Amino acid sequence: MTSPSRRSLSTESARSSSPMESSSDPTTTTSGPKATRPVLWRLYASHTLSTWNARTFEFGAVIFLAKIFPGTLFFASCYALFRSAAAAVLGSWIGSLVDRKDRLWVVTHSIIWQRCSVAGSCLVLGAMLPLASAERGVLTYIAFLAAVVLACVEKLAFVANTVAVERDWIIVVADSLGVERQELNSTMRRIDLLCKLIAPLGIGLLDGYSTKVAIWFVFGQNAISVLVEYFAIVQVHASVPELAKTSQPAHPSPTQPHTTPPQTARSSLTTALHQWKDYLHNPAFLASFALSLLYLTVLSFASQMTTYLLTLGFTSTHVSLMRLVSVILELSATCAAPWLMSRIGAVRSGLWFINEQLLSIALAIGVWLMYTNHPLIAGVTLVSGVALSRLGLWGFDLSVQFLVQAHVSESSRGSFSAIEMSVQNMFELLSFATTMVFYRPEDFRIAVLISGAAVAGSAACFAGYVRRERGHLVHVDRCLKRMGRGGKKIGYRVLPTIEEEVEMDEGAAGGAQMR
């Protein structure tokens, strides 16, 4: 079903504070704050442990491999490349599992597989560590291959957990407990960002003391936290009865029973292609693709830009401080995005955030190119622009996440989100490829220009989405008018009242509910 050409913006803001899918089930009640708080804390606890362990292992594995294979980045890059490739290739299969299987089954199995694969990786890396000073033999490469396979399993389990919890459970929990979905999304993203900051810092400090101790620490924290994470999510499932209602597959056959028989390779391929087709035809495709394009970048405080800054003469302490400022701005986006969405809607807020990111990156690259002969000035300029762009990046991420949740039906949330993550991983692979091809520090400008083009392409894609949804990009005539009769002033803009837009887009709201 194609999206209407115009969509109510004020209606969107009004709908954002109410459940997306109204239920007539008399057993569904809204719990009070005291009743919802324990459920939310258990959800946050499980998500924190999942994200903390994933971020610790993700960063730790890279520095462990650097110690095991000193003097080369090939093995660490190969490790990261195959890990991302596994998520890109098998993402649609993970999504189909999330859609077909029981919600609790998916999350609990993802927890178990995540923890087992991390524990196995730690054992393999620990066994490889004494070989760092020895001559590399066949045994070393076999152990490295085993570490890569275990990392792929961990990545797929993490994708399944993220898709199930952040794209499905959150919607059901918010609607069942009467919680603002924007606030729930923002809190979960805040947890992600804090873990992204603190976990690598902690494991990096521990590795500085002893790599062997760091490896066994990662192993121990995974073994201890698995029970807490497992039982916390089980209690959330028990506290929200709506989570027990398993959604049916998005395209069931009328003659098939609900129990799906084992799929052949041909039927699996057909299902995967159908899921990709649904993704491409979904009204939220352009918004989702715009977000995915932002993963084609070296302009983040990941390994590529960190390595470049170190070649300019910055120390690891300088980079850590820069990263801290960046994360503070990212966290501010998790506060600004819900507030802005409640005032102007998710579509407009997404447009504002992506344009803020584009402007910050464009100015940073422009000034950086002017001062390439002055490495320190160029580095500070680039870092400042990247740090400011993180506010727009994560505000845009939350806006798009809300729009995807609004457009995607319950029966296809898993497949859509998993394919979205596959696309993101594909662009992430391309970002790794750019620095593998242009590996010299003086060639880093090419990777930077490609990253800037990706941000511009993302802004163009989202502008196309906004144009299709609203029929225009900017209220030029209304911006020039004073507040007229029947209008409601929001800041300096003059917008129609909610009642006027509801009447104007009543069909659009009905179409969204049908989807």
Protein backbone atom coordinates (compact mmCIF):
# COMPACT_ATOMS: atom_id res chain seq x y z
CA MET A 1 0.00 0.00 0.00
CA THR A 2 1.45 3.35 -0.99
CA SER A 3 1.63 6.12 1.51
CA PRO A 4 -0.67 9.14 1.10
CA SER A 5 1.03 12.15 -0.40
CA ARG A 6 0.29 14.27 2.65
CA ARG A 7 0.50 13.18 6.22
CA SER A 8 -0.59 15.07 9.31
CA LEU A 9 2.37 16.40 11.26
CA SER A 10 0.44 17.56 14.29
CA THR A 11 -1.57 14.35 14.15
CA GLU A 12 1.70 12.46 14.12
CA SER A 13 2.73 14.21 17.33
CA ALA A 14 -0.62 13.43 18.87
CA ARG A 15 -0.43 9.79 17.85
CA SER A 16 3.11 9.50 19.21
CA SER A 17 1.84 9.83 22.76
CA SER A 18 -0.81 7.17 22.29
CA PRO A 19 -0.51 3.48 21.40
CA MET A 20 0.01 2.83 17.72
CA GLU A 21 -2.30 -0.13 17.66
CA SER A 22 -5.35 0.41 19.78
CA SER A 23 -6.69 -2.76 21.30
CA SER A 24 -10.23 -3.52 22.30
CA ASP A 25 -9.11 -6.30 24.58
CA PRO A 26 -10.67 -5.59 27.98
CA THR A 27 -7.76 -7.24 29.75
CA THR A 28 -5.35 -4.61 28.47
CA THR A 29 -5.05 -1.95 31.12
CA THR A 30 -2.70 0.91 31.75
CA SER A 31 -0.57 0.39 34.80
CA GLY A 32 0.35 3.14 37.20
CA PRO A 33 3.90 4.45 37.61
CA LYS A 34 4.60 2.26 40.65
CA ALA A 35 3.52 -0.86 38.76
CA THR A 36 5.46 -0.02 35.58
CA ARG A 37 8.73 0.99 37.24
CA PRO A 38 9.90 -2.54 38.21
CA VAL A 39 9.09 -3.86 34.74
CA LEU A 40 11.01 -1.05 33.06
CA TRP A 41 13.99 -1.44 35.40
CA ARG A 42 14.19 -5.15 34.54
CA LEU A 43 14.03 -4.30 30.84
CA TYR A 44 16.76 -1.70 31.28
CA ALA A 45 18.89 -4.12 33.32
CA SER A 46 18.70 -6.83 30.66
CA HIS A 47 19.43 -4.34 27.87
CA THR A 48 22.34 -2.81 29.81
CA LEU A 49 24.00 -6.17 30.37
CA SER A 50 23.47 -7.21 26.75
CA THR A 51 24.91 -3.94 25.39
CA TRP A 52 27.72 -3.74 27.95
CA ASN A 53 28.94 -7.26 27.19
CA ALA A 54 28.66 -6.69 23.44
CA ARG A 55 30.60 -3.39 23.54
CA THR A 56 33.25 -4.82 25.85
CA PHE A 57 33.82 -7.83 23.61
CA GLU A 58 33.64 -5.81 20.38
CA PHE A 59 36.39 -3.42 21.48
CA GLY A 60 38.33 -5.94 23.53
CA ALA A 61 38.63 -8.48 20.72
CA VAL A 62 40.30 -5.89 18.47
CA ILE A 63 42.95 -4.89 21.02
CA PHE A 64 43.49 -8.55 21.97
CA LEU A 65 44.17 -9.39 18.31
CA ALA A 66 46.52 -6.41 18.08
CA LYS A 67 48.53 -7.92 20.93
CA ILE A 68 48.42 -11.43 19.45
CA PHE A 69 49.41 -10.20 15.96
CA PRO A 70 51.62 -7.17 16.61
CA GLY A 71 52.80 -4.91 13.81
CA THR A 72 49.84 -5.49 11.46
CA LEU A 73 46.20 -4.44 11.23
CA PHE A 74 45.33 -7.17 8.72
CA PHE A 75 44.00 -9.71 11.23
CA ALA A 76 41.93 -7.16 13.19
CA SER A 77 40.48 -5.75 9.94
CA CYS A 78 39.74 -9.24 8.61
CA TYR A 79 38.06 -10.14 11.90
CA ALA A 80 35.83 -7.04 11.83
CA LEU A 81 35.10 -7.51 8.12
CA PHE A 82 33.79 -11.09 8.46
CA ARG A 83 31.85 -10.18 11.61
CA SER A 84 29.99 -7.41 9.78
CA ALA A 85 29.59 -9.58 6.66
CA ALA A 86 27.82 -12.28 8.68
CA ALA A 87 25.23 -9.77 9.86
CA ALA A 88 24.81 -8.35 6.35
CA VAL A 89 24.30 -11.74 4.67
CA LEU A 90 22.24 -13.53 7.34
CA GLY A 91 20.30 -10.54 8.65
CA SER A 92 17.09 -11.40 6.78
CA TRP A 93 17.19 -14.95 8.18
CA ILE A 94 17.51 -13.55 11.70
CA GLY A 95 14.56 -11.26 11.00
CA SER A 96 12.40 -14.17 9.87
CA LEU A 97 13.20 -15.98 13.12
CA VAL A 98 12.14 -12.95 15.13
CA ASP A 99 8.85 -12.79 13.22
CA ARG A 100 8.07 -16.52 13.29
CA LYS A 101 9.24 -17.65 16.71
CA ASP A 102 7.88 -16.92 20.16
CA ARG A 103 9.17 -13.60 21.51
CA LEU A 104 10.64 -15.07 24.68
CA TRP A 105 12.26 -17.94 22.75
CA VAL A 106 14.07 -15.50 20.45
CA VAL A 107 15.45 -13.26 23.21
CA THR A 108 16.49 -16.03 25.59
CA HIS A 109 18.23 -17.96 22.81
CA SER A 110 19.99 -14.80 21.66
CA ILE A 111 21.28 -14.26 25.22
CA ILE A 112 22.55 -17.84 25.53
CA TRP A 113 24.23 -17.87 22.10
CA GLN A 114 25.80 -14.47 22.74
CA ARG A 115 27.30 -15.47 26.05
CA CYS A 116 28.47 -18.92 24.86
CA SER A 117 30.16 -17.49 21.76
CA VAL A 118 31.91 -14.76 23.78
CA ALA A 119 33.10 -17.30 26.35
CA GLY A 120 34.40 -19.55 23.57
CA SER A 121 36.15 -16.59 21.91
CA CYS A 122 37.85 -15.67 25.18
CA LEU A 123 39.12 -19.24 25.55
CA VAL A 124 40.47 -19.22 21.98
CA LEU A 125 42.08 -15.78 22.33
CA GLY A 126 43.56 -16.75 25.68
CA ALA A 127 45.10 -19.83 24.07
CA MET A 128 46.47 -17.72 21.20
CA LEU A 129 48.06 -15.11 23.47
CA PRO A 130 51.25 -17.12 24.28
CA LEU A 131 51.75 -17.58 20.51
CA ALA A 132 52.21 -13.83 20.03
CA SER A 133 55.97 -14.03 20.52
CA ALA A 134 56.32 -17.34 18.71
CA GLU A 135 56.46 -18.05 15.01
CA ARG A 136 53.01 -18.30 13.47
CA GLY A 137 52.08 -21.80 12.44
CA VAL A 138 49.04 -23.66 11.14
CA LEU A 139 47.65 -23.92 14.65
CA THR A 140 47.62 -20.14 15.02
CA TYR A 141 45.61 -19.64 11.83
CA ILE A 142 43.16 -22.41 12.77
CA ALA A 143 42.61 -20.74 16.14
CA PHE A 144 42.10 -17.38 14.40
CA LEU A 145 39.54 -18.96 12.07
CA ALA A 146 37.70 -20.37 15.11
CA ALA A 147 37.72 -16.91 16.72
CA VAL A 148 36.23 -15.41 13.55
CA VAL A 149 33.43 -18.02 13.42
CA LEU A 150 32.58 -17.45 17.09
CA ALA A 151 32.57 -13.67 16.50
CA CYS A 152 30.08 -14.13 13.64
CA VAL A 153 27.80 -16.17 15.93
CA GLU A 154 28.04 -13.46 18.60
CA LYS A 155 27.19 -10.75 16.08
CA LEU A 156 24.13 -12.62 14.79
CA ALA A 157 22.90 -13.25 18.34
CA PHE A 158 23.37 -9.56 19.15
CA VAL A 159 21.40 -8.58 16.03
CA ALA A 160 18.57 -10.92 17.06
CA ASN A 161 18.49 -9.46 20.58
CA THR A 162 18.60 -5.86 19.33
CA VAL A 163 15.89 -6.37 16.70
CA ALA A 164 13.59 -8.25 19.08
CA VAL A 165 13.93 -5.90 22.05
CA GLU A 166 14.42 -2.46 20.46
CA ARG A 167 12.04 -2.86 17.52
CA ASP A 168 9.32 -5.17 18.89
CA TRP A 169 9.31 -5.50 22.68
CA ILE A 170 9.56 -1.74 23.21
CA ILE A 171 6.39 -1.08 21.21
CA VAL A 172 4.40 -3.72 23.09
CA VAL A 173 5.72 -2.66 26.50
CA ALA A 174 5.07 1.04 25.82
CA ASP A 175 1.53 0.42 24.60
CA SER A 176 0.71 -2.03 27.40
CA LEU A 177 2.08 0.08 30.26
CA GLY A 178 1.06 3.47 28.89
CA VAL A 179 4.65 4.70 28.61
CA GLU A 180 5.77 7.37 26.12
CA ARG A 181 7.44 5.45 23.33
CA GLN A 182 9.81 8.33 22.52
CA GLU A 183 11.05 8.34 26.10
CA LEU A 184 11.49 4.56 26.14
CA ASN A 185 13.41 4.67 22.85
CA SER A 186 15.59 7.49 24.17
CA THR A 187 16.37 5.69 27.44
CA MET A 188 17.41 2.55 25.57
CA ARG A 189 19.61 4.63 23.26
CA ARG A 190 21.11 6.41 26.29
CA ILE A 191 22.08 3.01 27.68
CA ASP A 192 23.70 2.12 24.33
CA LEU A 193 25.76 5.30 24.25
CA LEU A 194 26.92 5.05 27.86
CA CYS A 195 28.01 1.45 27.32
CA LYS A 196 29.70 2.53 24.11
CA LEU A 197 31.74 5.06 26.11
CA ILE A 198 32.49 3.33 29.39
CA ALA A 199 32.91 -0.32 28.32
CA PRO A 200 35.78 0.28 25.83
CA LEU A 201 37.43 2.67 28.27
CA GLY A 202 37.31 0.10 31.08
CA ILE A 203 38.58 -2.83 29.03
CA GLY A 204 41.28 -0.61 27.49
CA LEU A 205 42.60 0.35 30.93
CA LEU A 206 42.52 -3.28 32.04
CA ASP A 207 44.35 -4.37 28.88
CA GLY A 208 47.01 -1.76 29.64
CA TYR A 209 47.65 -3.59 32.89
CA SER A 210 47.52 -7.12 31.48
CA THR A 211 46.01 -8.54 28.29
CA LYS A 212 45.62 -11.94 29.91
CA VAL A 213 43.70 -10.45 32.86
CA ALA A 214 41.50 -8.47 30.42
CA ILE A 215 40.61 -11.62 28.45
CA TRP A 216 39.65 -13.54 31.60
CA PHE A 217 37.71 -10.52 32.88
CA VAL A 218 35.56 -10.53 29.72
CA PHE A 219 35.05 -14.27 30.15
CA GLY A 220 34.07 -13.88 33.82
CA GLN A 221 31.64 -11.00 33.38
CA ASN A 222 29.84 -12.90 30.61
CA ALA A 223 29.52 -16.01 32.77
CA ILE A 224 28.21 -14.02 35.75
CA SER A 225 25.82 -11.67 33.93
CA VAL A 226 24.06 -14.29 31.80
CA LEU A 227 21.78 -15.42 34.64
CA VAL A 228 20.82 -11.87 35.62
CA GLU A 229 20.13 -10.90 32.01
CA TYR A 230 18.17 -14.09 31.34
CA PHE A 231 15.87 -13.92 34.37
CA ALA A 232 15.34 -10.15 34.04
CA ILE A 233 13.95 -10.52 30.52
CA VAL A 234 11.86 -13.55 31.55
CA GLN A 235 10.26 -11.45 34.32
CA VAL A 236 9.51 -8.65 31.84
CA HIS A 237 7.80 -11.18 29.59
CA ALA A 238 5.75 -12.50 32.52
CA SER A 239 4.75 -8.99 33.62
CA VAL A 240 3.46 -7.94 30.18
CA PRO A 241 0.90 -10.52 28.98
CA GLU A 242 0.73 -8.92 25.52
CA LEU A 243 4.27 -10.13 24.83
CA ALA A 244 2.99 -13.71 24.91
CA LYS A 245 0.82 -13.02 21.84
CA THR A 246 3.06 -14.24 19.05
CA SER A 247 2.53 -12.45 15.76
CA GLN A 248 1.84 -14.55 12.69
CA PRO A 249 4.18 -14.49 9.66
CA ALA A 250 3.72 -11.48 7.41
CA HIS A 251 2.65 -13.61 4.41
CA PRO A 252 1.07 -16.88 5.56
CA SER A 253 -0.35 -19.21 2.98
CA PRO A 254 -4.13 -19.77 3.38
CA THR A 255 -3.70 -23.51 2.98
CA GLN A 256 -0.73 -23.88 5.32
CA PRO A 257 -1.12 -24.63 9.01
CA HIS A 258 0.35 -22.18 11.52
CA THR A 259 3.21 -24.55 12.33
CA THR A 260 5.77 -23.89 9.63
CA PRO A 261 7.48 -27.01 8.19
CA PRO A 262 11.24 -27.09 7.72
CA GLN A 263 12.17 -24.82 4.82
CA THR A 264 14.16 -26.00 1.83
CA ALA A 265 16.98 -23.90 0.42
CA ARG A 266 14.72 -22.71 -2.41
CA SER A 267 11.85 -21.71 -0.13
CA SER A 268 14.29 -19.96 2.22
CA LEU A 269 15.66 -17.96 -0.70
CA THR A 270 12.13 -17.11 -1.84
CA THR A 271 11.22 -15.96 1.66
CA ALA A 272 14.35 -13.82 1.92
CA LEU A 273 13.67 -12.19 -1.46
CA HIS A 274 10.07 -11.52 -0.44
CA GLN A 275 11.28 -9.85 2.76
CA TRP A 276 13.64 -7.63 0.76
CA LYS A 277 10.78 -6.75 -1.57
CA ASP A 278 8.59 -5.80 1.40
CA TYR A 279 11.44 -3.70 2.79
CA LEU A 280 11.86 -1.81 -0.49
CA HIS A 281 8.11 -1.17 -0.81
CA ASN A 282 7.53 -0.15 2.79
CA PRO A 283 6.55 3.56 3.20
CA ALA A 284 9.45 3.95 5.66
CA PHE A 285 12.07 2.59 3.23
CA LEU A 286 13.58 5.95 2.28
CA ALA A 287 13.84 7.01 5.93
CA SER A 288 15.43 3.69 6.86
CA PHE A 289 17.83 3.80 3.91
CA ALA A 290 18.81 7.37 4.79
CA LEU A 291 19.81 6.21 8.27
CA SER A 292 21.70 3.21 6.88
CA LEU A 293 23.74 5.44 4.54
CA LEU A 294 25.25 7.14 7.58
CA TYR A 295 27.14 3.93 8.37
CA LEU A 296 29.31 4.55 5.29
CA THR A 297 31.63 6.83 7.22
CA VAL A 298 35.07 7.14 8.72
CA LEU A 299 33.99 10.31 10.52
CA SER A 300 33.36 8.74 13.90
CA PHE A 301 35.55 7.88 16.84
CA ALA A 302 36.04 4.33 15.61
CA SER A 303 39.31 2.62 14.73
CA GLN A 304 39.80 4.38 11.37
CA MET A 305 39.58 7.99 12.54
CA THR A 306 41.35 7.16 15.82
CA THR A 307 44.30 5.74 13.88
CA TYR A 308 44.37 8.83 11.65
CA LEU A 309 44.39 11.19 14.64
CA LEU A 310 47.26 9.26 16.19
CA THR A 311 49.29 9.70 12.97
CA LEU A 312 48.74 13.47 13.25
CA GLY A 313 50.45 13.53 16.63
CA PHE A 314 47.50 13.31 19.01
CA THR A 315 47.92 11.00 21.99
CA SER A 316 45.50 8.32 23.16
CA THR A 317 44.57 10.65 26.06
CA HIS A 318 43.63 13.40 23.60
CA VAL A 319 41.50 10.97 21.61
CA SER A 320 39.77 9.75 24.78
CA LEU A 321 38.90 13.32 25.76
CA MET A 322 37.57 14.03 22.27
CA ARG A 323 35.51 10.86 22.45
CA LEU A 324 34.12 11.97 25.82
CA VAL A 325 32.95 15.32 24.40
CA SER A 326 31.38 13.49 21.46
CA VAL A 327 29.45 11.09 23.71
CA ILE A 328 28.17 14.01 25.84
CA LEU A 329 26.71 15.56 22.68
CA GLU A 330 25.28 12.18 21.68
CA LEU A 331 23.59 11.85 25.08
CA SER A 332 22.15 15.35 24.72
CA ALA A 333 20.51 14.16 21.49
CA THR A 334 18.60 11.51 23.46
CA CYS A 335 17.08 14.32 25.53
CA ALA A 336 16.53 16.76 22.66
CA ALA A 337 14.94 14.29 20.24
CA PRO A 338 11.88 13.29 22.36
CA TRP A 339 11.23 16.92 23.26
CA LEU A 340 11.47 18.07 19.64
CA MET A 341 9.34 15.17 18.34
CA SER A 342 6.61 16.03 20.85
CA ARG A 343 6.59 19.62 19.57
CA ILE A 344 6.95 19.28 15.79
CA GLY A 345 6.61 15.54 15.08
CA ALA A 346 9.11 12.88 14.07
CA VAL A 347 9.20 13.84 10.38
CA ARG A 348 10.21 17.45 10.94
CA SER A 349 12.59 16.64 13.78
CA GLY A 350 14.31 14.08 11.56
CA LEU A 351 14.69 16.73 8.86
CA TRP A 352 16.15 19.20 11.33
CA PHE A 353 18.60 16.70 12.80
CA ILE A 354 19.93 15.37 9.48
CA ASN A 355 20.44 18.92 8.21
CA GLU A 356 22.34 19.79 11.40
CA GLN A 357 24.61 16.82 10.80
CA LEU A 358 25.09 17.71 7.14
CA LEU A 359 25.97 21.33 7.96
CA SER A 360 28.45 20.32 10.69
CA ILE A 361 30.19 17.77 8.47
CA ALA A 362 30.29 20.11 5.44
CA LEU A 363 31.85 22.96 7.43
CA ALA A 364 34.33 20.61 9.11
CA ILE A 365 35.48 19.07 5.81
CA GLY A 366 35.73 22.48 4.14
CA VAL A 367 37.94 23.97 6.85
CA TRP A 368 39.91 20.72 7.22
CA LEU A 369 40.83 20.73 3.51
CA MET A 370 42.07 24.33 3.85
CA TYR A 371 44.45 23.42 6.70
CA THR A 372 45.81 20.05 5.59
CA ASN A 373 49.33 21.54 5.79
CA HIS A 374 48.74 22.24 9.49
CA PRO A 375 47.98 18.78 10.92
CA LEU A 376 47.00 19.83 14.44
CA ILE A 377 44.62 22.58 13.26
CA ALA A 378 43.15 20.22 10.65
CA GLY A 379 42.68 17.49 13.23
CA VAL A 380 41.00 19.76 15.79
CA THR A 381 38.70 21.18 13.09
CA LEU A 382 37.69 17.75 11.86
CA VAL A 383 37.13 16.43 15.37
CA SER A 384 35.03 19.49 16.33
CA GLY A 385 32.78 19.08 13.29
CA VAL A 386 32.39 15.35 13.86
CA ALA A 387 31.56 15.88 17.54
CA LEU A 388 28.89 18.48 16.70
CA SER A 389 27.45 16.20 14.00
CA ARG A 390 26.79 13.48 16.60
CA LEU A 391 23.93 15.57 17.99
CA GLY A 392 22.23 15.44 14.61
CA LEU A 393 23.16 11.81 14.03
CA TRP A 394 21.52 10.35 17.13
CA GLY A 395 18.57 12.74 17.01
CA PHE A 396 18.00 11.57 13.44
CA ASP A 397 18.41 7.95 14.54
CA LEU A 398 15.68 8.28 17.16
CA SER A 399 13.35 10.12 14.75
CA VAL A 400 13.74 7.43 12.08
CA GLN A 401 13.33 4.67 14.66
CA PHE A 402 9.98 6.16 15.69
CA LEU A 403 8.87 6.48 12.05
CA VAL A 404 9.82 2.87 11.32
CA GLN A 405 7.90 1.69 14.38
CA ALA A 406 4.87 3.62 13.10
CA HIS A 407 4.99 2.26 9.55
CA VAL A 408 5.95 -1.40 10.04
CA SER A 409 3.25 -3.88 11.01
CA GLU A 410 3.70 -6.19 14.00
CA SER A 411 4.01 -9.28 11.82
CA SER A 412 7.04 -7.94 9.92
CA ARG A 413 8.90 -5.90 12.53
CA GLY A 414 11.65 -8.48 12.87
CA SER A 415 12.32 -8.99 9.16
CA PHE A 416 12.23 -5.24 8.38
CA SER A 417 14.57 -4.32 11.23
CA ALA A 418 16.96 -7.19 10.50
CA ILE A 419 17.17 -6.23 6.82
CA GLU A 420 17.72 -2.63 7.88
CA MET A 421 20.64 -3.78 10.04
CA SER A 422 21.93 -5.85 7.10
CA VAL A 423 21.98 -2.73 4.93
CA GLN A 424 23.75 -0.83 7.71
CA ASN A 425 26.37 -3.57 7.96
CA MET A 426 26.87 -3.51 4.19
CA PHE A 427 27.63 0.20 4.30
CA GLU A 428 29.87 -0.39 7.31
CA LEU A 429 31.75 -2.96 5.23
CA LEU A 430 32.21 -0.36 2.51
CA SER A 431 33.63 2.06 5.08
CA PHE A 432 36.19 -0.58 6.08
CA ALA A 433 36.95 -1.17 2.41
CA THR A 434 37.69 2.53 1.80
CA THR A 435 40.42 2.58 4.44
CA MET A 436 41.77 -0.77 3.26
CA VAL A 437 42.16 0.64 -0.26
CA PHE A 438 43.21 4.15 0.81
CA TYR A 439 45.28 3.00 3.76
CA ARG A 440 47.95 5.74 3.78
CA PRO A 441 47.35 8.73 6.10
CA GLU A 442 47.73 11.17 3.16
CA ASP A 443 44.92 9.30 1.34
CA PHE A 444 42.54 9.66 4.27
CA ARG A 445 40.99 12.71 2.59
CA ILE A 446 39.43 10.42 -0.04
CA ALA A 447 37.69 8.39 2.68
CA VAL A 448 36.58 11.64 4.34
CA LEU A 449 35.07 12.95 1.09
CA ILE A 450 33.25 9.64 0.55
CA SER A 451 31.86 9.91 4.09
CA GLY A 452 30.71 13.49 3.44
CA ALA A 453 29.00 12.37 0.22
CA ALA A 454 27.21 9.63 2.19
CA VAL A 455 25.83 12.20 4.66
CA ALA A 456 24.67 14.37 1.75
CA GLY A 457 23.04 11.32 0.14
CA SER A 458 21.33 10.50 3.42
CA ALA A 459 19.91 14.02 3.68
CA ALA A 460 18.67 13.78 0.07
CA CYS A 461 16.97 10.42 0.72
CA PHE A 462 15.22 11.70 3.82
CA ALA A 463 14.18 14.86 1.96
CA GLY A 464 12.58 12.57 -0.62
CA TYR A 465 10.77 10.71 2.15
CA VAL A 466 9.54 13.99 3.67
CA ARG A 467 8.42 15.25 0.26
CA ARG A 468 6.45 12.06 -0.34
CA GLU A 469 4.85 12.08 3.10
CA ARG A 470 4.00 15.78 3.36
CA GLY A 471 3.88 16.86 -0.27
CA HIS A 472 6.44 19.62 0.46
CA LEU A 473 9.66 20.24 2.37
CA VAL A 474 9.13 23.70 3.86
CA HIS A 475 6.01 25.75 4.69
CA VAL A 476 7.33 28.76 2.76
CA ASP A 477 4.02 30.64 2.67
CA ARG A 478 3.16 29.90 6.28
CA CYS A 479 6.61 30.87 7.53
CA LEU A 480 6.09 34.34 6.02
CA LYS A 481 2.67 34.82 7.53
CA ARG A 482 1.84 35.93 10.98
CA MET A 483 -0.22 33.66 13.16
CA GLY A 484 -3.57 33.57 11.44
CA ARG A 485 -7.04 32.59 12.53
CA GLY A 486 -7.29 28.96 13.48
CA GLY A 487 -3.55 28.54 13.55
CA LYS A 488 -1.40 27.33 16.39
CA LYS A 489 1.99 28.93 16.87
CA ILE A 490 4.94 26.65 17.63
CA GLY A 491 8.03 28.80 18.13
CA TYR A 492 8.16 31.04 15.04
CA ARG A 493 6.13 28.75 12.75
CA VAL A 494 2.43 28.94 12.00
CA LEU A 495 0.85 25.51 11.68
CA PRO A 496 -2.71 24.28 11.31
CA THR A 497 -4.48 23.16 14.44
CA ILE A 498 -4.61 19.46 15.25
CA GLU A 499 -8.34 19.41 14.47
CA GLU A 500 -7.76 20.87 10.98
CA GLU A 501 -5.07 18.38 10.12
CA VAL A 502 -7.06 15.46 11.51
CA GLU A 503 -9.95 16.43 9.24
CA MET A 504 -7.60 16.94 6.29
CA ASP A 505 -5.69 13.65 6.73
CA GLU A 506 -8.34 11.38 8.23
CA GLY A 507 -7.81 8.91 5.43
CA ALA A 508 -4.05 8.87 6.00
CA ALA A 509 -4.48 8.00 9.66
CA GLY A 510 -6.84 5.19 8.77
CA GLY A 511 -4.40 3.85 6.20
CA ALA A 512 -1.56 3.84 8.73
CA GLN A 513 -3.69 1.87 11.21
CA MET A 514 -4.59 -0.67 8.50
CA ARG A 515 -0.90 -1.17 7.76
